[in-house]
């Protein structure tokens, strides 16, 4: 897992505050990010960047399980990356 150094300028920033209309539009475009049932409020999201950084966003209605869920998205990527590197290292030894 890569963590940015203090005062790193490569950390993505959000320069826009979303309105309710923006969130409705995003909900339609990303329907899999929302819980099923009556309440379709987003709970969290994880974004991955080419520089290796991951940003976890926890929204107002989040709970502990959402934080764990989003952390596992990052963990899964790290496991896949580590396994790939191990496979590559083993292949290079042959």
PDB file of N, CA and C in Angstrom:
ATOM      1  N   UNK A   1       0.843  -1.159   0.000  1.00  0.00           N
ATOM      2  CA  UNK A   1       0.000   0.000   0.000  1.00  0.00           C
ATOM      3  C   UNK A   1       0.890   1.224   0.000  1.00  0.00           C
ATOM      4  N   UNK A   2       0.593   2.175  -0.838  1.00  0.00           N
ATOM      5  CA  UNK A   2       1.376   3.398  -0.888  1.00  0.00           C
ATOM      6  C   UNK A   2       0.638   4.505  -0.169  1.00  0.00           C
ATOM      7  N   UNK A   3       1.335   5.167   0.707  1.00  0.00           N
ATOM      8  CA  UNK A   3       0.785   6.328   1.367  1.00  0.00           C
ATOM      9  C   UNK A   3       1.609   7.526   0.939  1.00  0.00           C
ATOM     10  N   UNK A   4       0.967   8.639   0.657  1.00  0.00           N
ATOM     11  CA  UNK A   4       1.726   9.818   0.230  1.00  0.00           C
ATOM     12  C   UNK A   4       2.540  10.377   1.373  1.00  0.00           C
ATOM     13  N   UNK A   5       3.658  10.977   1.002  1.00  0.00           N
ATOM     14  CA  UNK A   5       4.476  11.656   2.004  1.00  0.00           C
ATOM     15  C   UNK A   5       3.750  12.913   2.460  1.00  0.00           C
ATOM     16  N   UNK A   6       4.097  13.371   3.632  1.00  0.00           N
ATOM     17  CA  UNK A   6       3.492  14.604   4.135  1.00  0.00           C
ATOM     18  C   UNK A   6       3.734  15.727   3.140  1.00  0.00           C
ATOM     19  N   UNK A   7       2.760  16.546   2.952  1.00  0.00           N
ATOM     20  CA  UNK A   7       2.812  17.688   2.029  1.00  0.00           C
ATOM     21  C   UNK A   7       2.964  17.272   0.573  1.00  0.00           C
ATOM     22  N   UNK A   8       2.586  16.041   0.241  1.00  0.00           N
ATOM     23  CA  UNK A   8       2.674  15.575  -1.139  1.00  0.00           C
ATOM     24  C   UNK A   8       1.657  16.312  -2.001  1.00  0.00           C
ATOM     25  N   UNK A   9       2.091  16.775  -3.136  1.00  0.00           N
ATOM     26  CA  UNK A   9       1.191  17.475  -4.044  1.00  0.00           C
ATOM     27  C   UNK A   9       0.507  16.521  -5.022  1.00  0.00           C
ATOM     28  N   UNK A  10       0.810  15.226  -4.947  1.00  0.00           N
ATOM     29  CA  UNK A  10       0.214  14.278  -5.879  1.00  0.00           C
ATOM     30  C   UNK A  10      -1.107  13.712  -5.374  1.00  0.00           C
ATOM     31  N   UNK A  11      -1.539  14.135  -4.195  1.00  0.00           N
ATOM     32  CA  UNK A  11      -2.799  13.659  -3.656  1.00  0.00           C
ATOM     33  C   UNK A  11      -3.933  14.355  -4.389  1.00  0.00           C
ATOM     34  N   UNK A  12      -4.867  13.570  -4.953  1.00  0.00           N
ATOM     35  CA  UNK A  12      -5.969  14.212  -5.658  1.00  0.00           C
ATOM     36  C   UNK A  12      -6.845  15.013  -4.697  1.00  0.00           C
ATOM     37  N   UNK A  13      -7.328  16.126  -5.151  1.00  0.00           N
ATOM     38  CA  UNK A  13      -8.203  16.949  -4.322  1.00  0.00           C
ATOM     39  C   UNK A  13      -9.537  17.117  -5.018  1.00  0.00           C
ATOM     40  N   UNK A  14     -10.539  17.373  -4.244  1.00  0.00           N
ATOM     41  CA  UNK A  14     -11.875  17.618  -4.789  1.00  0.00           C
ATOM     42  C   UNK A  14     -12.071  19.117  -4.832  1.00  0.00           C
ATOM     43  N   UNK A  15     -12.351  19.619  -6.019  1.00  0.00           N
ATOM     44  CA  UNK A  15     -12.506  21.063  -6.158  1.00  0.00           C
ATOM     45  C   UNK A  15     -13.964  21.450  -6.369  1.00  0.00           C
ATOM     46  N   UNK A  16     -14.871  20.486  -6.236  1.00  0.00           N
ATOM     47  CA  UNK A  16     -16.275  20.767  -6.491  1.00  0.00           C
ATOM     48  C   UNK A  16     -17.116  20.191  -5.361  1.00  0.00           C
ATOM     49  N   UNK A  17     -18.046  20.969  -4.885  1.00  0.00           N
ATOM     50  CA  UNK A  17     -19.028  20.461  -3.942  1.00  0.00           C
ATOM     51  C   UNK A  17     -20.249  20.058  -4.752  1.00  0.00           C
ATOM     52  N   UNK A  18     -20.707  18.840  -4.543  1.00  0.00           N
ATOM     53  CA  UNK A  18     -21.818  18.318  -5.327  1.00  0.00           C
ATOM     54  C   UNK A  18     -23.158  18.807  -4.790  1.00  0.00           C
ATOM     55  N   UNK A  19     -24.030  19.196  -5.714  1.00  0.00           N
ATOM     56  CA  UNK A  19     -25.391  19.585  -5.359  1.00  0.00           C
ATOM     57  C   UNK A  19     -26.264  18.339  -5.353  1.00  0.00           C
ATOM     58  N   UNK A  20     -27.494  18.471  -4.876  1.00  0.00           N
ATOM     59  CA  UNK A  20     -28.428  17.344  -4.912  1.00  0.00           C
ATOM     60  C   UNK A  20     -28.651  16.878  -6.345  1.00  0.00           C
ATOM     61  N   UNK A  21     -28.740  17.808  -7.282  1.00  0.00           N
ATOM     62  CA  UNK A  21     -28.934  17.442  -8.687  1.00  0.00           C
ATOM     63  C   UNK A  21     -27.738  16.648  -9.217  1.00  0.00           C
ATOM     64  N   UNK A  22     -26.527  17.046  -8.813  1.00  0.00           N
ATOM     65  CA  UNK A  22     -25.324  16.306  -9.202  1.00  0.00           C
ATOM     66  C   UNK A  22     -25.381  14.876  -8.676  1.00  0.00           C
ATOM     67  N   UNK A  23     -25.802  14.734  -7.417  1.00  0.00           N
ATOM     68  CA  UNK A  23     -25.849  13.407  -6.805  1.00  0.00           C
ATOM     69  C   UNK A  23     -26.893  12.516  -7.462  1.00  0.00           C
ATOM     70  N   UNK A  24     -28.018  13.090  -7.868  1.00  0.00           N
ATOM     71  CA  UNK A  24     -29.037  12.310  -8.583  1.00  0.00           C
ATOM     72  C   UNK A  24     -28.466  11.829  -9.916  1.00  0.00           C
ATOM     73  N   UNK A  25     -27.775  12.705 -10.616  1.00  0.00           N
ATOM     74  CA  UNK A  25     -27.158  12.337 -11.899  1.00  0.00           C
ATOM     75  C   UNK A  25     -26.107  11.244 -11.696  1.00  0.00           C
ATOM     76  N   UNK A  26     -25.269  11.396 -10.677  1.00  0.00           N
ATOM     77  CA  UNK A  26     -24.253  10.383 -10.393  1.00  0.00           C
ATOM     78  C   UNK A  26     -24.890   9.053 -10.010  1.00  0.00           C
ATOM     79  N   UNK A  27     -25.993   9.096  -9.290  1.00  0.00           N
ATOM     80  CA  UNK A  27     -26.693   7.871  -8.910  1.00  0.00           C
ATOM     81  C   UNK A  27     -27.149   7.110 -10.150  1.00  0.00           C
ATOM     82  N   UNK A  28     -27.672   7.832 -11.125  1.00  0.00           N
ATOM     83  CA  UNK A  28     -28.126   7.185 -12.356  1.00  0.00           C
ATOM     84  C   UNK A  28     -26.954   6.606 -13.144  1.00  0.00           C
ATOM     85  N   UNK A  29     -25.826   7.299 -13.147  1.00  0.00           N
ATOM     86  CA  UNK A  29     -24.653   6.845 -13.888  1.00  0.00           C
ATOM     87  C   UNK A  29     -23.922   5.714 -13.187  1.00  0.00           C
ATOM     88  N   UNK A  30     -24.022   5.629 -11.874  1.00  0.00           N
ATOM     89  CA  UNK A  30     -23.268   4.651 -11.087  1.00  0.00           C
ATOM     90  C   UNK A  30     -24.194   3.899 -10.144  1.00  0.00           C
ATOM     91  N   UNK A  31     -25.220   3.296 -10.696  1.00  0.00           N
ATOM     92  CA  UNK A  31     -26.243   2.685  -9.852  1.00  0.00           C
ATOM     93  C   UNK A  31     -25.714   1.564  -8.969  1.00  0.00           C
ATOM     94  N   UNK A  32     -24.606   0.936  -9.336  1.00  0.00           N
ATOM     95  CA  UNK A  32     -24.078  -0.167  -8.523  1.00  0.00           C
ATOM     96  C   UNK A  32     -23.421   0.318  -7.242  1.00  0.00           C
ATOM     97  N   UNK A  33     -23.205   1.620  -7.096  1.00  0.00           N
ATOM     98  CA  UNK A  33     -22.593   2.160  -5.880  1.00  0.00           C
ATOM     99  C   UNK A  33     -23.607   2.376  -4.768  1.00  0.00           C
ATOM    100  N   UNK A  34     -24.861   2.119  -5.028  1.00  0.00           N
ATOM    101  CA  UNK A  34     -25.911   2.423  -4.072  1.00  0.00           C
ATOM    102  C   UNK A  34     -26.523   1.145  -3.522  1.00  0.00           C
ATOM    103  N   UNK A  35     -27.001   1.222  -2.316  1.00  0.00           N
ATOM    104  CA  UNK A  35     -27.650   0.085  -1.681  1.00  0.00           C
ATOM    105  C   UNK A  35     -29.020  -0.128  -2.308  1.00  0.00           C
ATOM    106  N   UNK A  36     -29.441  -1.386  -2.344  1.00  0.00           N
ATOM    107  CA  UNK A  36     -30.771  -1.676  -2.884  1.00  0.00           C
ATOM    108  C   UNK A  36     -31.820  -1.442  -1.798  1.00  0.00           C
ATOM    109  N   UNK A  37     -33.048  -1.360  -2.197  1.00  0.00           N
ATOM    110  CA  UNK A  37     -34.128  -1.152  -1.244  1.00  0.00           C
ATOM    111  C   UNK A  37     -34.670   0.258  -1.336  1.00  0.00           C
ATOM    112  N   UNK A  38     -35.376   0.648  -0.297  1.00  0.00           N
ATOM    113  CA  UNK A  38     -36.028   1.956  -0.299  1.00  0.00           C
ATOM    114  C   UNK A  38     -35.037   3.112  -0.273  1.00  0.00           C
ATOM    115  N   UNK A  39     -34.021   3.013   0.559  1.00  0.00           N
ATOM    116  CA  UNK A  39     -33.058   4.104   0.730  1.00  0.00           C
ATOM    117  C   UNK A  39     -31.875   3.889  -0.212  1.00  0.00           C
ATOM    118  N   UNK A  40     -31.759   4.707  -1.227  1.00  0.00           N
ATOM    119  CA  UNK A  40     -30.689   4.564  -2.212  1.00  0.00           C
ATOM    120  C   UNK A  40     -29.554   5.551  -1.963  1.00  0.00           C
ATOM    121  N   UNK A  41     -29.300   5.839  -0.716  1.00  0.00           N
ATOM    122  CA  UNK A  41     -28.255   6.781  -0.336  1.00  0.00           C
ATOM    123  C   UNK A  41     -26.885   6.116  -0.463  1.00  0.00           C
ATOM    124  N   UNK A  42     -25.929   6.765  -1.129  1.00  0.00           N
ATOM    125  CA  UNK A  42     -24.582   6.185  -1.208  1.00  0.00           C
ATOM    126  C   UNK A  42     -23.944   6.179   0.176  1.00  0.00           C
ATOM    127  N   UNK A  43     -23.205   5.114   0.450  1.00  0.00           N
ATOM    128  CA  UNK A  43     -22.558   4.989   1.753  1.00  0.00           C
ATOM    129  C   UNK A  43     -21.071   5.265   1.685  1.00  0.00           C
ATOM    130  N   UNK A  44     -20.427   4.900   0.571  1.00  0.00           N
ATOM    131  CA  UNK A  44     -19.002   5.122   0.425  1.00  0.00           C
ATOM    132  C   UNK A  44     -18.545   4.802  -0.973  1.00  0.00           C
ATOM    133  N   UNK A  45     -17.317   5.162  -1.273  1.00  0.00           N
ATOM    134  CA  UNK A  45     -16.725   4.829  -2.569  1.00  0.00           C
ATOM    135  C   UNK A  45     -15.210   4.785  -2.415  1.00  0.00           C
ATOM    136  N   UNK A  46     -14.578   4.085  -3.349  1.00  0.00           N
ATOM    137  CA  UNK A  46     -13.125   4.024  -3.395  1.00  0.00           C
ATOM    138  C   UNK A  46     -12.685   4.340  -4.810  1.00  0.00           C
ATOM    139  N   UNK A  47     -11.734   5.240  -4.949  1.00  0.00           N
ATOM    140  CA  UNK A  47     -11.172   5.587  -6.255  1.00  0.00           C
ATOM    141  C   UNK A  47      -9.703   5.201  -6.266  1.00  0.00           C
ATOM    142  N   UNK A  48      -9.260   4.656  -7.398  1.00  0.00           N
ATOM    143  CA  UNK A  48      -7.864   4.268  -7.556  1.00  0.00           C
ATOM    144  C   UNK A  48      -7.241   5.147  -8.629  1.00  0.00           C
ATOM    145  N   UNK A  49      -5.996   5.556  -8.385  1.00  0.00           N
ATOM    146  CA  UNK A  49      -5.303   6.457  -9.298  1.00  0.00           C
ATOM    147  C   UNK A  49      -4.060   5.791  -9.861  1.00  0.00           C
ATOM    148  N   UNK A  50      -3.642   6.252 -11.023  1.00  0.00           N
ATOM    149  CA  UNK A  50      -2.484   5.661 -11.712  1.00  0.00           C
ATOM    150  C   UNK A  50      -1.206   5.733 -10.886  1.00  0.00           C
ATOM    151  N   UNK A  51      -1.105   6.699 -10.000  1.00  0.00           N
ATOM    152  CA  UNK A  51       0.104   6.853  -9.179  1.00  0.00           C
ATOM    153  C   UNK A  51       0.137   5.873  -8.003  1.00  0.00           C
ATOM    154  N   UNK A  52      -0.862   4.983  -7.913  1.00  0.00           N
ATOM    155  CA  UNK A  52      -0.885   3.982  -6.855  1.00  0.00           C
ATOM    156  C   UNK A  52      -1.688   4.387  -5.635  1.00  0.00           C
ATOM    157  N   UNK A  53      -2.161   5.599  -5.606  1.00  0.00           N
ATOM    158  CA  UNK A  53      -2.937   6.062  -4.464  1.00  0.00           C
ATOM    159  C   UNK A  53      -4.382   5.576  -4.575  1.00  0.00           C
ATOM    160  N   UNK A  54      -4.985   5.386  -3.450  1.00  0.00           N
ATOM    161  CA  UNK A  54      -6.409   5.075  -3.373  1.00  0.00           C
ATOM    162  C   UNK A  54      -7.047   6.073  -2.421  1.00  0.00           C
ATOM    163  N   UNK A  55      -8.222   6.533  -2.785  1.00  0.00           N
ATOM    164  CA  UNK A  55      -8.951   7.467  -1.937  1.00  0.00           C
ATOM    165  C   UNK A  55     -10.282   6.823  -1.569  1.00  0.00           C
ATOM    166  N   UNK A  56     -10.503   6.679  -0.270  1.00  0.00           N
ATOM    167  CA  UNK A  56     -11.761   6.145   0.237  1.00  0.00           C
ATOM    168  C   UNK A  56     -12.607   7.320   0.697  1.00  0.00           C
ATOM    169  N   UNK A  57     -13.837   7.341   0.210  1.00  0.00           N
ATOM    170  CA  UNK A  57     -14.769   8.389   0.624  1.00  0.00           C
ATOM    171  C   UNK A  57     -15.889   7.732   1.426  1.00  0.00           C
ATOM    172  N   UNK A  58     -16.150   8.260   2.593  1.00  0.00           N
ATOM    173  CA  UNK A  58     -17.247   7.791   3.428  1.00  0.00           C
ATOM    174  C   UNK A  58     -18.256   8.921   3.525  1.00  0.00           C
ATOM    175  N   UNK A  59     -19.480   8.630   3.130  1.00  0.00           N
ATOM    176  CA  UNK A  59     -20.501   9.662   3.057  1.00  0.00           C
ATOM    177  C   UNK A  59     -21.253   9.779   4.377  1.00  0.00           C
ATOM    178  N   UNK A  60     -22.120  10.754   4.463  1.00  0.00           N
ATOM    179  CA  UNK A  60     -22.794  11.091   5.713  1.00  0.00           C
ATOM    180  C   UNK A  60     -23.537   9.900   6.316  1.00  0.00           C
ATOM    181  N   UNK A  61     -24.129   9.042   5.512  1.00  0.00           N
ATOM    182  CA  UNK A  61     -24.932   7.929   6.020  1.00  0.00           C
ATOM    183  C   UNK A  61     -24.114   6.664   6.263  1.00  0.00           C
ATOM    184  N   UNK A  62     -22.799   6.768   6.209  1.00  0.00           N
ATOM    185  CA  UNK A  62     -21.933   5.596   6.335  1.00  0.00           C
ATOM    186  C   UNK A  62     -22.024   4.965   7.720  1.00  0.00           C
ATOM    187  N   UNK A  63     -21.588   3.715   7.795  1.00  0.00           N
ATOM    188  CA  UNK A  63     -21.482   3.033   9.080  1.00  0.00           C
ATOM    189  C   UNK A  63     -20.169   2.247   9.083  1.00  0.00           C
ATOM    190  N   UNK A  64     -19.906   1.549  10.154  1.00  0.00           N
ATOM    191  CA  UNK A  64     -18.643   0.820  10.286  1.00  0.00           C
ATOM    192  C   UNK A  64     -18.459  -0.194   9.167  1.00  0.00           C
ATOM    193  N   UNK A  65     -19.526  -0.887   8.794  1.00  0.00           N
ATOM    194  CA  UNK A  65     -19.391  -1.911   7.754  1.00  0.00           C
ATOM    195  C   UNK A  65     -19.010  -1.297   6.412  1.00  0.00           C
ATOM    196  N   UNK A  66     -19.432  -0.066   6.145  1.00  0.00           N
ATOM    197  CA  UNK A  66     -19.056   0.608   4.900  1.00  0.00           C
ATOM    198  C   UNK A  66     -17.561   0.885   4.880  1.00  0.00           C
ATOM    199  N   UNK A  67     -17.020   1.359   5.987  1.00  0.00           N
ATOM    200  CA  UNK A  67     -15.586   1.631   6.058  1.00  0.00           C
ATOM    201  C   UNK A  67     -14.793   0.356   5.830  1.00  0.00           C
ATOM    202  N   UNK A  68     -15.208  -0.724   6.452  1.00  0.00           N
ATOM    203  CA  UNK A  68     -14.530  -2.015   6.263  1.00  0.00           C
ATOM    204  C   UNK A  68     -14.664  -2.472   4.819  1.00  0.00           C
ATOM    205  N   UNK A  69     -15.854  -2.345   4.254  1.00  0.00           N
ATOM    206  CA  UNK A  69     -16.098  -2.730   2.868  1.00  0.00           C
ATOM    207  C   UNK A  69     -15.167  -1.979   1.918  1.00  0.00           C
ATOM    208  N   UNK A  70     -15.066  -0.671   2.083  1.00  0.00           N
ATOM    209  CA  UNK A  70     -14.226   0.132   1.200  1.00  0.00           C
ATOM    210  C   UNK A  70     -12.746  -0.191   1.403  1.00  0.00           C
ATOM    211  N   UNK A  71     -12.325  -0.455   2.638  1.00  0.00           N
ATOM    212  CA  UNK A  71     -10.922  -0.823   2.883  1.00  0.00           C
ATOM    213  C   UNK A  71     -10.577  -2.148   2.201  1.00  0.00           C
ATOM    214  N   UNK A  72     -11.537  -3.053   2.115  1.00  0.00           N
ATOM    215  CA  UNK A  72     -11.268  -4.315   1.452  1.00  0.00           C
ATOM    216  C   UNK A  72     -11.100  -4.158  -0.052  1.00  0.00           C
ATOM    217  N   UNK A  73     -11.705  -3.140  -0.656  1.00  0.00           N
ATOM    218  CA  UNK A  73     -11.425  -2.873  -2.073  1.00  0.00           C
ATOM    219  C   UNK A  73      -9.933  -2.579  -2.251  1.00  0.00           C
ATOM    220  N   UNK A  74      -9.372  -1.761  -1.356  1.00  0.00           N
ATOM    221  CA  UNK A  74      -7.944  -1.415  -1.416  1.00  0.00           C
ATOM    222  C   UNK A  74      -7.104  -2.653  -1.119  1.00  0.00           C
ATOM    223  N   UNK A  75      -7.476  -3.399  -0.097  1.00  0.00           N
ATOM    224  CA  UNK A  75      -6.739  -4.604   0.275  1.00  0.00           C
ATOM    225  C   UNK A  75      -6.722  -5.617  -0.863  1.00  0.00           C
ATOM    226  N   UNK A  76      -7.852  -5.791  -1.522  1.00  0.00           N
ATOM    227  CA  UNK A  76      -7.916  -6.741  -2.639  1.00  0.00           C
ATOM    228  C   UNK A  76      -6.935  -6.352  -3.742  1.00  0.00           C
ATOM    229  N   UNK A  77      -6.867  -5.069  -4.058  1.00  0.00           N
ATOM    230  CA  UNK A  77      -5.912  -4.610  -5.073  1.00  0.00           C
ATOM    231  C   UNK A  77      -4.479  -4.890  -4.640  1.00  0.00           C
ATOM    232  N   UNK A  78      -4.185  -4.665  -3.362  1.00  0.00           N
ATOM    233  CA  UNK A  78      -2.835  -4.911  -2.857  1.00  0.00           C
ATOM    234  C   UNK A  78      -2.492  -6.397  -2.913  1.00  0.00           C
ATOM    235  N   UNK A  79      -3.436  -7.247  -2.572  1.00  0.00           N
ATOM    236  CA  UNK A  79      -3.215  -8.692  -2.637  1.00  0.00           C
ATOM    237  C   UNK A  79      -2.939  -9.110  -4.078  1.00  0.00           C
ATOM    238  N   UNK A  80      -3.726  -8.599  -5.014  1.00  0.00           N
ATOM    239  CA  UNK A  80      -3.525  -8.928  -6.431  1.00  0.00           C
ATOM    240  C   UNK A  80      -2.155  -8.441  -6.908  1.00  0.00           C
ATOM    241  N   UNK A  81      -1.783  -7.227  -6.526  1.00  0.00           N
ATOM    242  CA  UNK A  81      -0.490  -6.672  -6.934  1.00  0.00           C
ATOM    243  C   UNK A  81       0.653  -7.493  -6.350  1.00  0.00           C
ATOM    244  N   UNK A  82       0.558  -7.838  -5.085  1.00  0.00           N
ATOM    245  CA  UNK A  82       1.599  -8.615  -4.420  1.00  0.00           C
ATOM    246  C   UNK A  82       1.727  -9.996  -5.046  1.00  0.00           C
ATOM    247  N   UNK A  83       0.596 -10.628  -5.336  1.00  0.00           N
ATOM    248  CA  UNK A  83       0.617 -11.956  -5.969  1.00  0.00           C
ATOM    249  C   UNK A  83       1.244 -11.873  -7.358  1.00  0.00           C
ATOM    250  N   UNK A  84       0.923 -10.834  -8.117  1.00  0.00           N
ATOM    251  CA  UNK A  84       1.494 -10.656  -9.449  1.00  0.00           C
ATOM    252  C   UNK A  84       3.006 -10.481  -9.358  1.00  0.00           C
ATOM    253  N   UNK A  85       3.446  -9.669  -8.412  1.00  0.00           N
ATOM    254  CA  UNK A  85       4.894  -9.444  -8.254  1.00  0.00           C
ATOM    255  C   UNK A  85       5.598 -10.738  -7.849  1.00  0.00           C
ATOM    256  N   UNK A  86       4.977 -11.520  -6.990  1.00  0.00           N
ATOM    257  CA  UNK A  86       5.573 -12.798  -6.568  1.00  0.00           C
ATOM    258  C   UNK A  86       5.642 -13.756  -7.746  1.00  0.00           C
ATOM    259  N   UNK A  87       4.598 -13.814  -8.557  1.00  0.00           N
ATOM    260  CA  UNK A  87       4.605 -14.671  -9.739  1.00  0.00           C
ATOM    261  C   UNK A  87       5.668 -14.226 -10.734  1.00  0.00           C
ATOM    262  N   UNK A  88       5.811 -12.929 -10.912  1.00  0.00           N
ATOM    263  CA  UNK A  88       6.824 -12.407 -11.833  1.00  0.00           C
ATOM    264  C   UNK A  88       8.232 -12.721 -11.341  1.00  0.00           C
ATOM    265  N   UNK A  89       8.458 -12.580 -10.055  1.00  0.00           N
ATOM    266  CA  UNK A  89       9.771 -12.881  -9.476  1.00  0.00           C
ATOM    267  C   UNK A  89      10.095 -14.362  -9.633  1.00  0.00           C
ATOM    268  N   UNK A  90       9.103 -15.221  -9.413  1.00  0.00           N
ATOM    269  CA  UNK A  90       9.321 -16.670  -9.558  1.00  0.00           C
ATOM    270  C   UNK A  90       9.604 -17.030 -11.004  1.00  0.00           C
ATOM    271  N   UNK A  91       8.923 -16.382 -11.939  1.00  0.00           N
ATOM    272  CA  UNK A  91       9.130 -16.658 -13.351  1.00  0.00           C
ATOM    273  C   UNK A  91      10.530 -16.220 -13.793  1.00  0.00           C
ATOM    274  N   UNK A  92      11.019 -15.124 -13.231  1.00  0.00           N
ATOM    275  CA  UNK A  92      12.346 -14.616 -13.595  1.00  0.00           C
ATOM    276  C   UNK A  92      13.466 -15.478 -13.055  1.00  0.00           C
ATOM    277  N   UNK A  93      13.195 -16.260 -12.027  1.00  0.00           N
ATOM    278  CA  UNK A  93      14.217 -17.145 -11.448  1.00  0.00           C
ATOM    279  C   UNK A  93      14.417 -18.401 -12.287  1.00  0.00           C
ATOM    280  N   UNK A  94      13.463 -18.692 -13.146  1.00  0.00           N
ATOM    281  CA  UNK A  94      13.550 -19.917 -13.955  1.00  0.00           C
ATOM    282  C   UNK A  94      14.536 -19.791 -15.067  1.00  0.00           C
TER     283      UNK A  94
END
